[in-house]
Amino acid sequence: MVIAVTYNQENGQIGAHFGHADHFKLYQAENGKIYDAQVVEPDGQGHDAVVAFLEDYDVELVICRNIGEGAIRGLQTAGISAWRTTPWRPS
């Protein structure tokens, strides 16, 4: 399983927002254990570009601080689950 986490290279923390993520940290997990990780930079910004980028890496789960409903729908269409670390508040 490949897990993608929005990643802030400056502080090593989970990045702020899915669609504007400058980097993702990709974790390779198997049998409940992480056995590899790499930091990658998406080819573009915006939901569609980032979803396509993650599909190329066979990502199955995305973890991020903030993600909108449009991005979640795009990920779901691609067969990718999303988990946000902060509650979503509609605007």
C-alpha atoms as a PDB file:
ATOM      1  CA  MET A   1       0.000   0.000   0.000  1.00  0.00           C
ATOM      2  CA  VAL A   2       1.225   3.488  -0.826  1.00  0.00           C
ATOM      3  CA  ILE A   3       0.255   6.279   1.567  1.00  0.00           C
ATOM      4  CA  ALA A   4       0.808   9.910   0.538  1.00  0.00           C
ATOM      5  CA  VAL A   5       1.099  12.630   3.168  1.00  0.00           C
ATOM      6  CA  THR A   6       1.210  16.342   2.292  1.00  0.00           C
ATOM      7  CA  TYR A   7       4.672  17.343   3.437  1.00  0.00           C
ATOM      8  CA  ASN A   8       6.322  20.579   4.549  1.00  0.00           C
ATOM      9  CA  GLN A   9      10.051  20.164   3.933  1.00  0.00           C
ATOM     10  CA  GLU A  10      10.938  23.148   6.133  1.00  0.00           C
ATOM     11  CA  ASN A  11       9.662  21.612   9.354  1.00  0.00           C
ATOM     12  CA  GLY A  12       9.046  17.963   8.464  1.00  0.00           C
ATOM     13  CA  GLN A  13       5.367  18.274   9.421  1.00  0.00           C
ATOM     14  CA  ILE A  14       2.174  17.415   7.562  1.00  0.00           C
ATOM     15  CA  GLY A  15       1.611  20.089   4.909  1.00  0.00           C
ATOM     16  CA  ALA A  16      -1.244  22.555   5.007  1.00  0.00           C
ATOM     17  CA  HIS A  17      -3.493  21.886   2.018  1.00  0.00           C
ATOM     18  CA  PHE A  18      -3.873  19.104  -0.520  1.00  0.00           C
ATOM     19  CA  GLY A  19      -4.342  21.157  -3.704  1.00  0.00           C
ATOM     20  CA  HIS A  20      -1.396  23.446  -2.952  1.00  0.00           C
ATOM     21  CA  ALA A  21       1.013  20.835  -1.632  1.00  0.00           C
ATOM     22  CA  ASP A  22       4.586  21.469  -2.739  1.00  0.00           C
ATOM     23  CA  HIS A  23       5.661  18.000  -1.641  1.00  0.00           C
ATOM     24  CA  PHE A  24       4.248  14.661  -0.620  1.00  0.00           C
ATOM     25  CA  LYS A  25       5.964  12.060   1.482  1.00  0.00           C
ATOM     26  CA  LEU A  26       5.120   8.624   0.093  1.00  0.00           C
ATOM     27  CA  TYR A  27       5.205   5.692   2.464  1.00  0.00           C
ATOM     28  CA  GLN A  28       5.308   2.089   1.309  1.00  0.00           C
ATOM     29  CA  ALA A  29       3.451  -0.025   3.847  1.00  0.00           C
ATOM     30  CA  GLU A  30       2.818  -3.731   4.087  1.00  0.00           C
ATOM     31  CA  ASN A  31       1.317  -5.834   6.874  1.00  0.00           C
ATOM     32  CA  GLY A  32       0.855  -2.724   9.024  1.00  0.00           C
ATOM     33  CA  LYS A  33       4.513  -1.665   8.797  1.00  0.00           C
ATOM     34  CA  ILE A  34       6.237   1.073   6.816  1.00  0.00           C
ATOM     35  CA  TYR A  35       9.265  -0.217   4.962  1.00  0.00           C
ATOM     36  CA  ASP A  36      10.188   2.713   2.690  1.00  0.00           C
ATOM     37  CA  ALA A  37       9.559   6.440   2.309  1.00  0.00           C
ATOM     38  CA  GLN A  38      10.424   9.113  -0.238  1.00  0.00           C
ATOM     39  CA  VAL A  39       9.628  12.792  -0.715  1.00  0.00           C
ATOM     40  CA  VAL A  40       8.252  13.724  -4.134  1.00  0.00           C
ATOM     41  CA  GLU A  41       7.197  16.985  -5.748  1.00  0.00           C
ATOM     42  CA  PRO A  42       3.940  17.032  -7.748  1.00  0.00           C
ATOM     43  CA  ASP A  43       4.064  18.032 -11.414  1.00  0.00           C
ATOM     44  CA  GLY A  44       1.441  20.755 -10.897  1.00  0.00           C
ATOM     45  CA  GLN A  45      -1.032  22.248  -8.481  1.00  0.00           C
ATOM     46  CA  GLY A  46      -4.774  21.983  -8.252  1.00  0.00           C
ATOM     47  CA  HIS A  47      -6.935  18.974  -7.569  1.00  0.00           C
ATOM     48  CA  ASP A  48      -6.870  17.350 -10.995  1.00  0.00           C
ATOM     49  CA  ALA A  49      -3.096  17.629 -11.431  1.00  0.00           C
ATOM     50  CA  VAL A  50      -2.347  16.333  -7.950  1.00  0.00           C
ATOM     51  CA  VAL A  51      -4.810  13.431  -8.222  1.00  0.00           C
ATOM     52  CA  ALA A  52      -3.270  12.364 -11.556  1.00  0.00           C
ATOM     53  CA  PHE A  53       0.207  12.643 -10.036  1.00  0.00           C
ATOM     54  CA  LEU A  54      -0.774  10.433  -7.087  1.00  0.00           C
ATOM     55  CA  GLU A  55      -2.384   7.891  -9.421  1.00  0.00           C
ATOM     56  CA  ASP A  56       0.995   7.542 -11.177  1.00  0.00           C
ATOM     57  CA  TYR A  57       2.482   6.444  -7.825  1.00  0.00           C
ATOM     58  CA  ASP A  58      -0.372   3.983  -7.123  1.00  0.00           C
ATOM     59  CA  VAL A  59      -1.342   5.873  -3.962  1.00  0.00           C
ATOM     60  CA  GLU A  60      -4.237   4.314  -2.039  1.00  0.00           C
ATOM     61  CA  LEU A  61      -4.549   6.766   0.877  1.00  0.00           C
ATOM     62  CA  VAL A  62      -3.851  10.504   1.248  1.00  0.00           C
ATOM     63  CA  ILE A  63      -3.353  12.161   4.637  1.00  0.00           C
ATOM     64  CA  CYS A  64      -3.388  15.953   4.845  1.00  0.00           C
ATOM     65  CA  ARG A  65      -4.424  18.819   7.091  1.00  0.00           C
ATOM     66  CA  ASN A  66      -6.994  20.414   4.827  1.00  0.00           C
ATOM     67  CA  ILE A  67      -8.774  19.112   1.770  1.00  0.00           C
ATOM     68  CA  GLY A  68     -11.970  20.295   0.137  1.00  0.00           C
ATOM     69  CA  GLU A  69     -14.906  18.217  -0.944  1.00  0.00           C
ATOM     70  CA  GLY A  70     -14.019  18.648  -4.648  1.00  0.00           C
ATOM     71  CA  ALA A  71     -10.586  17.155  -4.068  1.00  0.00           C
ATOM     72  CA  ILE A  72     -12.063  14.314  -2.038  1.00  0.00           C
ATOM     73  CA  ARG A  73     -14.471  13.518  -4.884  1.00  0.00           C
ATOM     74  CA  GLY A  74     -11.570  13.544  -7.367  1.00  0.00           C
ATOM     75  CA  LEU A  75      -9.584  11.169  -5.185  1.00  0.00           C
ATOM     76  CA  GLN A  76     -12.578   8.877  -4.731  1.00  0.00           C
ATOM     77  CA  THR A  77     -13.089   8.770  -8.500  1.00  0.00           C
ATOM     78  CA  ALA A  78      -9.452   7.651  -8.782  1.00  0.00           C
ATOM     79  CA  GLY A  79      -9.968   4.998  -6.086  1.00  0.00           C
ATOM     80  CA  ILE A  80      -7.877   6.885  -3.498  1.00  0.00           C
ATOM     81  CA  SER A  81      -9.103   7.370   0.080  1.00  0.00           C
ATOM     82  CA  ALA A  82      -8.497  10.624   1.974  1.00  0.00           C
ATOM     83  CA  TRP A  83      -8.067  11.370   5.654  1.00  0.00           C
ATOM     84  CA  ARG A  84      -7.920  14.966   6.875  1.00  0.00           C
ATOM     85  CA  THR A  85      -6.232  15.763  10.160  1.00  0.00           C
ATOM     86  CA  THR A  86      -8.446  18.810  10.833  1.00  0.00           C
ATOM     87  CA  PRO A  87     -12.229  18.922  10.633  1.00  0.00           C
ATOM     88  CA  TRP A  88     -13.727  20.222   7.412  1.00  0.00           C
ATOM     89  CA  ARG A  89     -15.791  23.377   7.800  1.00  0.00           C
ATOM     90  CA  PRO A  90     -17.918  24.393   4.840  1.00  0.00           C
ATOM     91  CA  SER A  91     -17.479  28.027   3.795  1.00  0.00           C
END
